[in-house]
Amino acid sequence: MAEQVLWLQAKDPRNWQVVAGGAAGELRYDPAQGVFRFSAHGLAPQSDYALVRHNDKPRDGQVLAVGRSDLDGQLQLQGNWQLWSQKFWLLPVADLTLEGSRAELKAWHPRHYLFENRRLGEDG
């Protein structure tokens, strides 16, 4: 299977529409190889973020990677991952409790998050 792309975008929590000109990210992943690369722009500068797979359990998710944005609000992450299904979000680490690969949402500030543009099916 070839490399695939999932876009993560800032959304207005009042209507869940994409914020024009807002922060955004590109998640490139290869399900067969189990590798990914993520790049984002328009984030808060020098802030810690976690890329999380959210599976619709109320506050629960799995961490793919954690990193810090640069002075320009850009972020680069990469790693290995196998479960290409459900939702993928980028969230400030400050809104999460991290325990190993588990992430629990402790605050809800959706204006600061990037949300997937489509939910991935069970076949990834």
PDB file of N, CA and C in Angstrom:
ATOM      1  N   MET A   1       0.847  -1.179   0.000  1.00  0.00           N
ATOM      2  CA  MET A   1       0.000   0.000   0.000  1.00  0.00           C
ATOM      3  C   MET A   1       0.893   1.242   0.000  1.00  0.00           C
ATOM      4  N   ALA A   2       0.554   2.204  -0.775  1.00  0.00           N
ATOM      5  CA  ALA A   2       1.347   3.427  -0.908  1.00  0.00           C
ATOM      6  C   ALA A   2       1.131   4.371   0.276  1.00  0.00           C
ATOM      7  N   GLU A   3       2.035   5.328   0.378  1.00  0.00           N
ATOM      8  CA  GLU A   3       1.913   6.361   1.402  1.00  0.00           C
ATOM      9  C   GLU A   3       0.589   7.104   1.246  1.00  0.00           C
ATOM     10  N   GLN A   4      -0.024   7.435   2.366  1.00  0.00           N
ATOM     11  CA  GLN A   4      -1.298   8.148   2.362  1.00  0.00           C
ATOM     12  C   GLN A   4      -1.155   9.446   3.147  1.00  0.00           C
ATOM     13  N   VAL A   5      -2.131  10.340   2.969  1.00  0.00           N
ATOM     14  CA  VAL A   5      -2.081  11.648   3.616  1.00  0.00           C
ATOM     15  C   VAL A   5      -3.394  11.911   4.350  1.00  0.00           C
ATOM     16  N   LEU A   6      -3.275  12.423   5.554  1.00  0.00           N
ATOM     17  CA  LEU A   6      -4.419  12.882   6.336  1.00  0.00           C
ATOM     18  C   LEU A   6      -4.116  14.312   6.758  1.00  0.00           C
ATOM     19  N   TRP A   7      -5.042  15.210   6.475  1.00  0.00           N
ATOM     20  CA  TRP A   7      -4.877  16.614   6.857  1.00  0.00           C
ATOM     21  C   TRP A   7      -5.503  16.845   8.220  1.00  0.00           C
ATOM     22  N   LEU A   8      -4.816  17.606   9.055  1.00  0.00           N
ATOM     23  CA  LEU A   8      -5.348  18.048  10.342  1.00  0.00           C
ATOM     24  C   LEU A   8      -5.464  19.561  10.268  1.00  0.00           C
ATOM     25  N   GLN A   9      -6.616  20.081  10.699  1.00  0.00           N
ATOM     26  CA  GLN A   9      -6.888  21.499  10.518  1.00  0.00           C
ATOM     27  C   GLN A   9      -7.536  22.102  11.756  1.00  0.00           C
ATOM     28  N   ALA A  10      -7.304  23.399  11.938  1.00  0.00           N
ATOM     29  CA  ALA A  10      -8.006  24.139  12.979  1.00  0.00           C
ATOM     30  C   ALA A  10      -9.474  24.237  12.574  1.00  0.00           C
ATOM     31  N   LYS A  11     -10.368  24.028  13.534  1.00  0.00           N
ATOM     32  CA  LYS A  11     -11.806  24.104  13.258  1.00  0.00           C
ATOM     33  C   LYS A  11     -12.480  25.011  14.285  1.00  0.00           C
ATOM     34  N   ASP A  12     -13.530  25.667  13.851  1.00  0.00           N
ATOM     35  CA  ASP A  12     -14.323  26.528  14.723  1.00  0.00           C
ATOM     36  C   ASP A  12     -15.255  25.630  15.540  1.00  0.00           C
ATOM     37  N   PRO A  13     -15.118  25.571  16.870  1.00  0.00           N
ATOM     38  CA  PRO A  13     -15.938  24.658  17.666  1.00  0.00           C
ATOM     39  C   PRO A  13     -17.429  24.997  17.682  1.00  0.00           C
ATOM     40  N   ARG A  14     -17.805  26.175  17.200  1.00  0.00           N
ATOM     41  CA  ARG A  14     -19.236  26.509  17.141  1.00  0.00           C
ATOM     42  C   ARG A  14     -19.938  25.737  16.033  1.00  0.00           C
ATOM     43  N   ASN A  15     -19.225  25.479  14.920  1.00  0.00           N
ATOM     44  CA  ASN A  15     -19.862  24.794  13.786  1.00  0.00           C
ATOM     45  C   ASN A  15     -18.985  23.700  13.183  1.00  0.00           C
ATOM     46  N   TRP A  16     -17.791  23.518  13.690  1.00  0.00           N
ATOM     47  CA  TRP A  16     -16.812  22.521  13.248  1.00  0.00           C
ATOM     48  C   TRP A  16     -16.381  22.701  11.795  1.00  0.00           C
ATOM     49  N   GLN A  17     -16.493  23.919  11.300  1.00  0.00           N
ATOM     50  CA  GLN A  17     -15.980  24.230   9.969  1.00  0.00           C
ATOM     51  C   GLN A  17     -14.492  24.573  10.078  1.00  0.00           C
ATOM     52  N   VAL A  18     -13.743  24.287   9.016  1.00  0.00           N
ATOM     53  CA  VAL A  18     -12.317  24.597   8.978  1.00  0.00           C
ATOM     54  C   VAL A  18     -12.129  26.111   9.060  1.00  0.00           C
ATOM     55  N   VAL A  19     -11.163  26.544   9.855  1.00  0.00           N
ATOM     56  CA  VAL A  19     -10.832  27.962   9.987  1.00  0.00           C
ATOM     57  C   VAL A  19      -9.932  28.345   8.813  1.00  0.00           C
ATOM     58  N   ALA A  20     -10.428  29.201   7.935  1.00  0.00           N
ATOM     59  CA  ALA A  20      -9.647  29.633   6.771  1.00  0.00           C
ATOM     60  C   ALA A  20      -8.372  30.327   7.234  1.00  0.00           C
ATOM     61  N   GLY A  21      -7.241  29.892   6.710  1.00  0.00           N
ATOM     62  CA  GLY A  21      -5.960  30.482   7.080  1.00  0.00           C
ATOM     63  C   GLY A  21      -5.467  30.081   8.453  1.00  0.00           C
ATOM     64  N   GLY A  22      -6.149  29.135   9.094  1.00  0.00           N
ATOM     65  CA  GLY A  22      -5.762  28.703  10.434  1.00  0.00           C
ATOM     66  C   GLY A  22      -4.617  27.711  10.413  1.00  0.00           C
ATOM     67  N   ALA A  23      -4.213  27.303  11.579  1.00  0.00           N
ATOM     68  CA  ALA A  23      -3.153  26.307  11.710  1.00  0.00           C
ATOM     69  C   ALA A  23      -3.575  25.025  11.000  1.00  0.00           C
ATOM     70  N   ALA A  24      -2.590  24.301  10.496  1.00  0.00           N
ATOM     71  CA  ALA A  24      -2.878  23.064   9.770  1.00  0.00           C
ATOM     72  C   ALA A  24      -1.665  22.148   9.820  1.00  0.00           C
ATOM     73  N   GLY A  25      -1.920  20.881   9.562  1.00  0.00           N
ATOM     74  CA  GLY A  25      -0.843  19.904   9.533  1.00  0.00           C
ATOM     75  C   GLY A  25      -1.111  18.827   8.506  1.00  0.00           C
ATOM     76  N   GLU A  26      -0.032  18.189   8.084  1.00  0.00           N
ATOM     77  CA  GLU A  26      -0.104  17.109   7.105  1.00  0.00           C
ATOM     78  C   GLU A  26       0.522  15.866   7.724  1.00  0.00           C
ATOM     79  N   LEU A  27      -0.275  14.805   7.833  1.00  0.00           N
ATOM     80  CA  LEU A  27       0.198  13.530   8.361  1.00  0.00           C
ATOM     81  C   LEU A  27       0.369  12.576   7.189  1.00  0.00           C
ATOM     82  N   ARG A  28       1.604  12.238   6.870  1.00  0.00           N
ATOM     83  CA  ARG A  28       1.911  11.276   5.806  1.00  0.00           C
ATOM     84  C   ARG A  28       2.259   9.961   6.486  1.00  0.00           C
ATOM     85  N   TYR A  29       1.569   8.905   6.078  1.00  0.00           N
ATOM     86  CA  TYR A  29       1.790   7.619   6.731  1.00  0.00           C
ATOM     87  C   TYR A  29       1.756   6.493   5.716  1.00  0.00           C
ATOM     88  N   ASP A  30       2.487   5.444   6.041  1.00  0.00           N
ATOM     89  CA  ASP A  30       2.542   4.246   5.210  1.00  0.00           C
ATOM     90  C   ASP A  30       2.060   3.084   6.069  1.00  0.00           C
ATOM     91  N   PRO A  31       0.804   2.667   5.893  1.00  0.00           N
ATOM     92  CA  PRO A  31       0.265   1.602   6.737  1.00  0.00           C
ATOM     93  C   PRO A  31       1.058   0.297   6.656  1.00  0.00           C
ATOM     94  N   ALA A  32       1.588  -0.019   5.489  1.00  0.00           N
ATOM     95  CA  ALA A  32       2.332  -1.269   5.325  1.00  0.00           C
ATOM     96  C   ALA A  32       3.659  -1.235   6.085  1.00  0.00           C
ATOM     97  N   GLN A  33       4.320  -0.088   6.076  1.00  0.00           N
ATOM     98  CA  GLN A  33       5.611   0.050   6.747  1.00  0.00           C
ATOM     99  C   GLN A  33       5.472   0.454   8.214  1.00  0.00           C
ATOM    100  N   GLY A  34       4.318   1.032   8.569  1.00  0.00           N
ATOM    101  CA  GLY A  34       4.094   1.461   9.950  1.00  0.00           C
ATOM    102  C   GLY A  34       4.880   2.698  10.342  1.00  0.00           C
ATOM    103  N   VAL A  35       5.168   3.561   9.377  1.00  0.00           N
ATOM    104  CA  VAL A  35       5.915   4.785   9.664  1.00  0.00           C
ATOM    105  C   VAL A  35       5.075   6.003   9.299  1.00  0.00           C
ATOM    106  N   PHE A  36       5.381   7.143   9.944  1.00  0.00           N
ATOM    107  CA  PHE A  36       4.669   8.382   9.622  1.00  0.00           C
ATOM    108  C   PHE A  36       5.601   9.578   9.763  1.00  0.00           C
ATOM    109  N   ARG A  37       5.203  10.659   9.090  1.00  0.00           N
ATOM    110  CA  ARG A  37       5.833  11.976   9.217  1.00  0.00           C
ATOM    111  C   ARG A  37       4.706  12.984   9.332  1.00  0.00           C
ATOM    112  N   PHE A  38       4.840  13.911  10.256  1.00  0.00           N
ATOM    113  CA  PHE A  38       3.824  14.934  10.454  1.00  0.00           C
ATOM    114  C   PHE A  38       4.501  16.291  10.455  1.00  0.00           C
ATOM    115  N   SER A  39       3.922  17.230   9.731  1.00  0.00           N
ATOM    116  CA  SER A  39       4.419  18.610   9.752  1.00  0.00           C
ATOM    117  C   SER A  39       3.228  19.538   9.918  1.00  0.00           C
ATOM    118  N   ALA A  40       3.401  20.569  10.736  1.00  0.00           N
ATOM    119  CA  ALA A  40       2.319  21.522  10.998  1.00  0.00           C
ATOM    120  C   ALA A  40       2.878  22.935  10.998  1.00  0.00           C
ATOM    121  N   HIS A  41       1.991  23.900  10.735  1.00  0.00           N
ATOM    122  CA  HIS A  41       2.354  25.316  10.770  1.00  0.00           C
ATOM    123  C   HIS A  41       1.202  26.101  11.389  1.00  0.00           C
ATOM    124  N   GLY A  42       1.506  27.316  11.835  1.00  0.00           N
ATOM    125  CA  GLY A  42       0.482  28.176  12.424  1.00  0.00           C
ATOM    126  C   GLY A  42       0.191  27.882  13.883  1.00  0.00           C
ATOM    127  N   LEU A  43       1.059  27.116  14.527  1.00  0.00           N
ATOM    128  CA  LEU A  43       0.866  26.758  15.932  1.00  0.00           C
ATOM    129  C   LEU A  43       1.433  27.848  16.844  1.00  0.00           C
ATOM    130  N   ALA A  44       1.109  27.749  18.122  1.00  0.00           N
ATOM    131  CA  ALA A  44       1.718  28.641  19.109  1.00  0.00           C
ATOM    132  C   ALA A  44       3.220  28.354  19.143  1.00  0.00           C
ATOM    133  N   PRO A  45       4.055  29.389  19.091  1.00  0.00           N
ATOM    134  CA  PRO A  45       5.506  29.174  19.093  1.00  0.00           C
ATOM    135  C   PRO A  45       6.004  28.559  20.397  1.00  0.00           C
ATOM    136  N   GLN A  46       7.028  27.751  20.267  1.00  0.00           N
ATOM    137  CA  GLN A  46       7.716  27.131  21.396  1.00  0.00           C
ATOM    138  C   GLN A  46       6.749  26.515  22.399  1.00  0.00           C
ATOM    139  N   SER A  47       5.850  25.697  21.885  1.00  0.00           N
ATOM    140  CA  SER A  47       4.856  25.017  22.721  1.00  0.00           C
ATOM    141  C   SER A  47       4.937  23.517  22.480  1.00  0.00           C
ATOM    142  N   ASP A  48       4.637  22.748  23.514  1.00  0.00           N
ATOM    143  CA  ASP A  48       4.674  21.290  23.418  1.00  0.00           C
ATOM    144  C   ASP A  48       3.336  20.761  22.924  1.00  0.00           C
ATOM    145  N   TYR A  49       3.402  19.838  21.965  1.00  0.00           N
ATOM    146  CA  TYR A  49       2.213  19.253  21.351  1.00  0.00           C
ATOM    147  C   TYR A  49       2.321  17.737  21.332  1.00  0.00           C
ATOM    148  N   ALA A  50       1.157  17.079  21.317  1.00  0.00           N
ATOM    149  CA  ALA A  50       1.098  15.630  21.171  1.00  0.00           C
ATOM    150  C   ALA A  50       0.186  15.287  20.002  1.00  0.00           C
ATOM    151  N   LEU A  51       0.636  14.383  19.159  1.00  0.00           N
ATOM    152  CA  LEU A  51      -0.182  13.825  18.088  1.00  0.00           C
ATOM    153  C   LEU A  51      -0.850  12.589  18.673  1.00  0.00           C
ATOM    154  N   VAL A  52      -2.186  12.594  18.692  1.00  0.00           N
ATOM    155  CA  VAL A  52      -2.947  11.581  19.424  1.00  0.00           C
ATOM    156  C   VAL A  52      -3.974  10.917  18.518  1.00  0.00           C
ATOM    157  N   ARG A  53      -4.094   9.600  18.654  1.00  0.00           N
ATOM    158  CA  ARG A  53      -5.186   8.850  18.020  1.00  0.00           C
ATOM    159  C   ARG A  53      -6.318   8.802  19.038  1.00  0.00           C
ATOM    160  N   HIS A  54      -7.448   9.393  18.668  1.00  0.00           N
ATOM    161  CA  HIS A  54      -8.609   9.454  19.564  1.00  0.00           C
ATOM    162  C   HIS A  54      -9.643   8.457  19.055  1.00  0.00           C
ATOM    163  N   ASN A  55     -10.099   7.573  19.929  1.00  0.00           N
ATOM    164  CA  ASN A  55     -11.009   6.508  19.497  1.00  0.00           C
ATOM    165  C   ASN A  55     -12.418   6.653  20.050  1.00  0.00           C
ATOM    166  N   ASP A  56     -12.838   7.875  20.304  1.00  0.00           N
ATOM    167  CA  ASP A  56     -14.196   8.198  20.755  1.00  0.00           C
ATOM    168  C   ASP A  56     -14.509   7.779  22.185  1.00  0.00           C
ATOM    169  N   LYS A  57     -13.536   7.311  22.925  1.00  0.00           N
ATOM    170  CA  LYS A  57     -13.764   7.126  24.356  1.00  0.00           C
ATOM    171  C   LYS A  57     -13.674   8.518  24.959  1.00  0.00           C
ATOM    172  N   PRO A  58     -14.520   8.844  25.910  1.00  0.00           N
ATOM    173  CA  PRO A  58     -14.658  10.227  26.335  1.00  0.00           C
ATOM    174  C   PRO A  58     -13.382  11.034  26.516  1.00  0.00           C
ATOM    175  N   ARG A  59     -12.384  10.637  27.129  1.00  0.00           N
ATOM    176  CA  ARG A  59     -11.206  11.495  27.307  1.00  0.00           C
ATOM    177  C   ARG A  59      -9.917  10.753  26.975  1.00  0.00           C
ATOM    178  N   ASP A  60     -10.014   9.657  26.267  1.00  0.00           N
ATOM    179  CA  ASP A  60      -8.908   8.735  26.115  1.00  0.00           C
ATOM    180  C   ASP A  60      -8.318   8.735  24.713  1.00  0.00           C
ATOM    181  N   GLY A  61      -7.012   8.582  24.623  1.00  0.00           N
ATOM    182  CA  GLY A  61      -6.354   8.470  23.333  1.00  0.00           C
ATOM    183  C   GLY A  61      -5.000   7.799  23.473  1.00  0.00           C
ATOM    184  N   GLN A  62      -4.371   7.578  22.323  1.00  0.00           N
ATOM    185  CA  GLN A  62      -3.048   6.966  22.274  1.00  0.00           C
ATOM    186  C   GLN A  62      -2.085   7.952  21.621  1.00  0.00           C
ATOM    187  N   VAL A  63      -0.916   8.109  22.212  1.00  0.00           N
ATOM    188  CA  VAL A  63       0.072   9.074  21.734  1.00  0.00           C
ATOM    189  C   VAL A  63       0.932   8.451  20.644  1.00  0.00           C
ATOM    190  N   LEU A  64       0.988   9.131  19.494  1.00  0.00           N
ATOM    191  CA  LEU A  64       1.902   8.726  18.428  1.00  0.00           C
ATOM    192  C   LEU A  64       3.264   9.368  18.631  1.00  0.00           C
ATOM    193  N   ALA A  65       3.271  10.656  18.983  1.00  0.00           N
ATOM    194  CA  ALA A  65       4.528  11.391  19.144  1.00  0.00           C
ATOM    195  C   ALA A  65       4.269  12.682  19.908  1.00  0.00           C
ATOM    196  N   VAL A  66       5.320  13.189  20.524  1.00  0.00           N
ATOM    197  CA  VAL A  66       5.283  14.460  21.245  1.00  0.00           C
ATOM    198  C   VAL A  66       6.459  15.298  20.759  1.00  0.00           C
ATOM    199  N   GLY A  67       6.229  16.603  20.595  1.00  0.00           N
ATOM    200  CA  GLY A  67       7.306  17.483  20.161  1.00  0.00           C
ATOM    201  C   GLY A  67       7.001  18.929  20.490  1.00  0.00           C
ATOM    202  N   ARG A  68       7.963  19.782  20.189  1.00  0.00           N
ATOM    203  CA  ARG A  68       7.853  21.215  20.511  1.00  0.00           C
ATOM    204  C   ARG A  68       7.904  22.024  19.227  1.00  0.00           C
ATOM    205  N   SER A  69       6.984  22.973  19.100  1.00  0.00           N
ATOM    206  CA  SER A  69       6.981  23.859  17.936  1.00  0.00           C
ATOM    207  C   SER A  69       8.173  24.816  18.023  1.00  0.00           C
ATOM    208  N   ASP A  70       8.602  25.308  16.871  1.00  0.00           N
ATOM    209  CA  ASP A  70       9.731  26.236  16.841  1.00  0.00           C
ATOM    210  C   ASP A  70       9.255  27.682  17.014  1.00  0.00           C
ATOM    211  N   LEU A  71      10.162  28.627  16.868  1.00  0.00           N
ATOM    212  CA  LEU A  71       9.834  30.049  17.037  1.00  0.00           C
ATOM    213  C   LEU A  71       8.799  30.544  16.038  1.00  0.00           C
ATOM    214  N   ASP A  72       8.698  29.872  14.888  1.00  0.00           N
ATOM    215  CA  ASP A  72       7.739  30.253  13.847  1.00  0.00           C
ATOM    216  C   ASP A  72       6.416  29.497  13.955  1.00  0.00           C
ATOM    217  N   GLY A  73       6.253  28.662  14.988  1.00  0.00           N
ATOM    218  CA  GLY A  73       5.021  27.899  15.145  1.00  0.00           C
ATOM    219  C   GLY A  73       4.935  26.696  14.226  1.00  0.00           C
ATOM    220  N   GLN A  74       6.088  26.196  13.797  1.00  0.00           N
ATOM    221  CA  GLN A  74       6.117  24.999  12.962  1.00  0.00           C
ATOM    222  C   GLN A  74       6.539  23.804  13.808  1.00  0.00           C
ATOM    223  N   LEU A  75       6.047  22.635  13.420  1.00  0.00           N
ATOM    224  CA  LEU A  75       6.318  21.413  14.177  1.00  0.00           C
ATOM    225  C   LEU A  75       6.576  20.273  13.205  1.00  0.00           C
ATOM    226  N   GLN A  76       7.573  19.465  13.505  1.00  0.00           N
ATOM    227  CA  GLN A  76       7.887  18.270  12.723  1.00  0.00           C
ATOM    228  C   GLN A  76       7.931  17.079  13.676  1.00  0.00           C
ATOM    229  N   LEU A  77       7.209  16.019  13.340  1.00  0.00           N
ATOM    230  CA  LEU A  77       7.224  14.789  14.124  1.00  0.00           C
ATOM    231  C   LEU A  77       7.386  13.609  13.175  1.00  0.00           C
ATOM    232  N   GLN A  78       7.911  12.519  13.681  1.00  0.00           N
ATOM    233  CA  GLN A  78       7.964  11.285  12.903  1.00  0.00           C
ATOM    234  C   GLN A  78       8.026  10.116  13.863  1.00  0.00           C
ATOM    235  N   GLY A  79       7.690   8.941  13.355  1.00  0.00           N
ATOM    236  CA  GLY A  79       7.735   7.776  14.212  1.00  0.00           C
ATOM    237  C   GLY A  79       7.145   6.552  13.557  1.00  0.00           C
ATOM    238  N   ASN A  80       6.852   5.578  14.394  1.00  0.00           N
ATOM    239  CA  ASN A  80       6.268   4.311  13.957  1.00  0.00           C
ATOM    240  C   ASN A  80       4.892   4.169  14.579  1.00  0.00           C
ATOM    241  N   TRP A  81       3.952   3.651  13.806  1.00  0.00           N
ATOM    242  CA  TRP A  81       2.580   3.472  14.278  1.00  0.00           C
ATOM    243  C   TRP A  81       1.889   2.449  13.396  1.00  0.00           C
ATOM    244  N   GLN A  82       0.976   1.673  13.952  1.00  0.00           N
ATOM    245  CA  GLN A  82       0.297   0.622  13.193  1.00  0.00           C
ATOM    246  C   GLN A  82      -1.216   0.790  13.088  1.00  0.00           C
ATOM    247  N   LEU A  83      -1.864   1.455  14.032  1.00  0.00           N
ATOM    248  CA  LEU A  83      -3.330   1.517  14.093  1.00  0.00           C
ATOM    249  C   LEU A  83      -3.868   2.730  13.339  1.00  0.00           C
ATOM    250  N   TRP A  84      -4.026   2.604  12.040  1.00  0.00           N
ATOM    251  CA  TRP A  84      -4.473   3.731  11.205  1.00  0.00           C
ATOM    252  C   TRP A  84      -5.983   3.701  11.051  1.00  0.00           C
ATOM    253  N   SER A  85      -6.674   3.986  12.144  1.00  0.00           N
ATOM    254  CA  SER A  85      -8.133   4.074  12.143  1.00  0.00           C
ATOM    255  C   SER A  85      -8.551   5.111  13.179  1.00  0.00           C
ATOM    256  N   GLN A  86      -9.798   5.527  13.095  1.00  0.00           N
ATOM    257  CA  GLN A  86     -10.402   6.483  14.019  1.00  0.00           C
ATOM    258  C   GLN A  86      -9.985   7.916  13.719  1.00  0.00           C
ATOM    259  N   LYS A  87      -9.813   8.715  14.784  1.00  0.00           N
ATOM    260  CA  LYS A  87      -9.535  10.149  14.653  1.00  0.00           C
ATOM    261  C   LYS A  87      -8.102  10.443  15.087  1.00  0.00           C
ATOM    262  N   PHE A  88      -7.508  11.459  14.459  1.00  0.00           N
ATOM    263  CA  PHE A  88      -6.166  11.897  14.823  1.00  0.00           C
ATOM    264  C   PHE A  88      -6.206  13.391  15.093  1.00  0.00           C
ATOM    265  N   TRP A  89      -5.700  13.787  16.252  1.00  0.00           N
ATOM    266  CA  TRP A  89      -5.715  15.185  16.667  1.00  0.00           C
ATOM    267  C   TRP A  89      -4.313  15.599  17.084  1.00  0.00           C
ATOM    268  N   LEU A  90      -4.024  16.894  16.951  1.00  0.00           N
ATOM    269  CA  LEU A  90      -2.829  17.485  17.532  1.00  0.00           C
ATOM    270  C   LEU A  90      -3.306  18.401  18.647  1.00  0.00           C
ATOM    271  N   LEU A  91      -2.797  18.167  19.864  1.00  0.00           N
ATOM    272  CA  LEU A  91      -3.243  18.918  21.036  1.00  0.00           C
ATOM    273  C   LEU A  91      -2.047  19.437  21.825  1.00  0.00           C
ATOM    274  N   PRO A  92      -2.219  20.577  22.499  1.00  0.00           N
ATOM    275  CA  PRO A  92      -1.163  21.030  23.408  1.00  0.00           C
ATOM    276  C   PRO A  92      -1.008  20.027  24.556  1.00  0.00           C
ATOM    277  N   VAL A  93       0.222  19.708  24.885  1.00  0.00           N
ATOM    278  CA  VAL A  93       0.483  18.774  25.979  1.00  0.00           C
ATOM    279  C   VAL A  93      -0.134  19.286  27.280  1.00  0.00           C
ATOM    280  N   ALA A  94      -0.227  20.598  27.439  1.00  0.00           N
ATOM    281  CA  ALA A  94      -0.800  21.182  28.660  1.00  0.00           C
ATOM    282  C   ALA A  94      -2.243  20.741  28.894  1.00  0.00           C
ATOM    283  N   ASP A  95      -2.955  20.326  27.850  1.00  0.00           N
ATOM    284  CA  ASP A  95      -4.345  19.884  27.986  1.00  0.00           C
ATOM    285  C   ASP A  95      -4.465  18.381  28.213  1.00  0.00           C
ATOM    286  N   LEU A  96      -3.328  17.700  28.364  1.00  0.00           N
ATOM    287  CA  LEU A  96      -3.328  16.242  28.470  1.00  0.00           C
ATOM    288  C   LEU A  96      -2.626  15.770  29.736  1.00  0.00           C
ATOM    289  N   THR A  97      -3.039  14.601  30.196  1.00  0.00           N
ATOM    290  CA  THR A  97      -2.261  13.839  31.155  1.00  0.00           C
ATOM    291  C   THR A  97      -1.671  12.685  30.362  1.00  0.00           C
ATOM    292  N   LEU A  98      -0.350  12.613  30.308  1.00  0.00           N
ATOM    293  CA  LEU A  98       0.326  11.576  29.533  1.00  0.00           C
ATOM    294  C   LEU A  98       0.880  10.514  30.467  1.00  0.00           C
ATOM    295  N   GLU A  99       0.564   9.258  30.154  1.00  0.00           N
ATOM    296  CA  GLU A  99       1.091   8.113  30.898  1.00  0.00           C
ATOM    297  C   GLU A  99       1.564   7.104  29.872  1.00  0.00           C
ATOM    298  N   GLY A 100       2.860   7.108  29.589  1.00  0.00           N
ATOM    299  CA  GLY A 100       3.391   6.230  28.551  1.00  0.00           C
ATOM    300  C   GLY A 100       2.788   6.605  27.213  1.00  0.00           C
ATOM    301  N   SER A 101       2.157   5.639  26.552  1.00  0.00           N
ATOM    302  CA  SER A 101       1.536   5.915  25.252  1.00  0.00           C
ATOM    303  C   SER A 101       0.065   6.312  25.384  1.00  0.00           C
ATOM    304  N   ARG A 102      -0.414   6.477  26.605  1.00  0.00           N
ATOM    305  CA  ARG A 102      -1.812   6.840  26.841  1.00  0.00           C
ATOM    306  C   ARG A 102      -1.927   8.339  27.093  1.00  0.00           C
ATOM    307  N   ALA A 103      -2.947   8.942  26.503  1.00  0.00           N
ATOM    308  CA  ALA A 103      -3.231  10.364  26.712  1.00  0.00           C
ATOM    309  C   ALA A 103      -4.653  10.507  27.220  1.00  0.00           C
ATOM    310  N   GLU A 104      -4.814  11.265  28.287  1.00  0.00           N
ATOM    311  CA  GLU A 104      -6.146  11.559  28.804  1.00  0.00           C
ATOM    312  C   GLU A 104      -6.352  13.069  28.757  1.00  0.00           C
ATOM    313  N   LEU A 105      -7.454  13.479  28.164  1.00  0.00           N
ATOM    314  CA  LEU A 105      -7.778  14.895  28.049  1.00  0.00           C
ATOM    315  C   LEU A 105      -8.186  15.426  29.419  1.00  0.00           C
ATOM    316  N   LYS A 106      -7.478  16.459  29.905  1.00  0.00           N
ATOM    317  CA  LYS A 106      -7.818  17.042  31.208  1.00  0.00           C
ATOM    318  C   LYS A 106      -8.405  18.440  31.065  1.00  0.00           C
ATOM    319  N   ALA A 107      -8.336  19.008  29.875  1.00  0.00           N
ATOM    320  CA  ALA A 107      -8.924  20.323  29.591  1.00  0.00           C
ATOM    321  C   ALA A 107      -9.394  20.313  28.141  1.00  0.00           C
ATOM    322  N   TRP A 108     -10.379  21.128  27.836  1.00  0.00           N
ATOM    323  CA  TRP A 108     -10.954  21.166  26.485  1.00  0.00           C
ATOM    324  C   TRP A 108     -10.852  22.588  25.950  1.00  0.00           C
ATOM    325  N   HIS A 109      -9.879  22.806  25.061  1.00  0.00           N
ATOM    326  CA  HIS A 109      -9.658  24.103  24.417  1.00  0.00           C
ATOM    327  C   HIS A 109      -9.559  23.877  22.909  1.00  0.00           C
ATOM    328  N   PRO A 110     -10.658  23.511  22.253  1.00  0.00           N
ATOM    329  CA  PRO A 110     -10.614  23.079  20.844  1.00  0.00           C
ATOM    330  C   PRO A 110     -10.106  24.132  19.865  1.00  0.00           C
ATOM    331  N   ARG A 111     -10.133  25.394  20.232  1.00  0.00           N
ATOM    332  CA  ARG A 111      -9.586  26.428  19.326  1.00  0.00           C
ATOM    333  C   ARG A 111      -8.073  26.295  19.156  1.00  0.00           C
ATOM    334  N   HIS A 112      -7.439  25.536  20.038  1.00  0.00           N
ATOM    335  CA  HIS A 112      -5.986  25.348  19.988  1.00  0.00           C
ATOM    336  C   HIS A 112      -5.593  23.988  19.420  1.00  0.00           C
ATOM    337  N   TYR A 113      -6.561  23.227  18.910  1.00  0.00           N
ATOM    338  CA  TYR A 113      -6.300  21.872  18.429  1.00  0.00           C
ATOM    339  C   TYR A 113      -6.371  21.814  16.912  1.00  0.00           C
ATOM    340  N   LEU A 114      -5.751  20.777  16.365  1.00  0.00           N
ATOM    341  CA  LEU A 114      -5.941  20.432  14.956  1.00  0.00           C
ATOM    342  C   LEU A 114      -6.696  19.111  14.924  1.00  0.00           C
ATOM    343  N   PHE A 115      -7.733  19.059  14.088  1.00  0.00           N
ATOM    344  CA  PHE A 115      -8.582  17.878  13.961  1.00  0.00           C
ATOM    345  C   PHE A 115      -8.454  17.293  12.561  1.00  0.00           C
ATOM    346  N   GLU A 116      -8.619  15.993  12.453  1.00  0.00           N
ATOM    347  CA  GLU A 116      -8.534  15.319  11.153  1.00  0.00           C
ATOM    348  C   GLU A 116      -9.618  15.833  10.214  1.00  0.00           C
ATOM    349  N   ASN A 117      -9.330  15.787   8.923  1.00  0.00           N
ATOM    350  CA  ASN A 117     -10.337  16.209   7.945  1.00  0.00           C
ATOM    351  C   ASN A 117     -11.258  15.064   7.556  1.00  0.00           C
ATOM    352  N   ARG A 118     -10.905  13.849   7.959  1.00  0.00           N
ATOM    353  CA  ARG A 118     -11.771  12.689   7.737  1.00  0.00           C
ATOM    354  C   ARG A 118     -11.358  11.607   8.728  1.00  0.00           C
ATOM    355  N   ARG A 119     -12.333  10.865   9.159  1.00  0.00           N
ATOM    356  CA  ARG A 119     -12.070   9.765  10.074  1.00  0.00           C
ATOM    357  C   ARG A 119     -11.553   8.581   9.268  1.00  0.00           C
ATOM    358  N   LEU A 120     -10.503   7.932   9.756  1.00  0.00           N
ATOM    359  CA  LEU A 120      -9.955   6.786   9.043  1.00  0.00           C
ATOM    360  C   LEU A 120     -10.740   5.531   9.393  1.00  0.00           C
ATOM    361  N   GLY A 121     -11.013   4.720   8.388  1.00  0.00           N
ATOM    362  CA  GLY A 121     -11.751   3.473   8.584  1.00  0.00           C
ATOM    363  C   GLY A 121     -10.898   2.414   9.245  1.00  0.00           C
ATOM    364  N   GLU A 122     -11.509   1.337   9.609  1.00  0.00           N
ATOM    365  CA  GLU A 122     -10.795   0.260  10.289  1.00  0.00           C
ATOM    366  C   GLU A 122      -9.695  -0.344   9.425  1.00  0.00           C
ATOM    367  N   ASP A 123      -9.789  -0.150   8.108  1.00  0.00           N
ATOM    368  CA  ASP A 123      -8.738  -0.667   7.230  1.00  0.00           C
ATOM    369  C   ASP A 123      -7.634   0.351   7.022  1.00  0.00           C
ATOM    370  N   GLY A 124      -7.733   1.536   7.695  1.00  0.00           N
ATOM    371  CA  GLY A 124      -6.697   2.554   7.650  1.00  0.00           C
ATOM    372  C   GLY A 124      -6.691   3.298   6.374  1.00  0.00           C
TER     373      GLY A 124
END
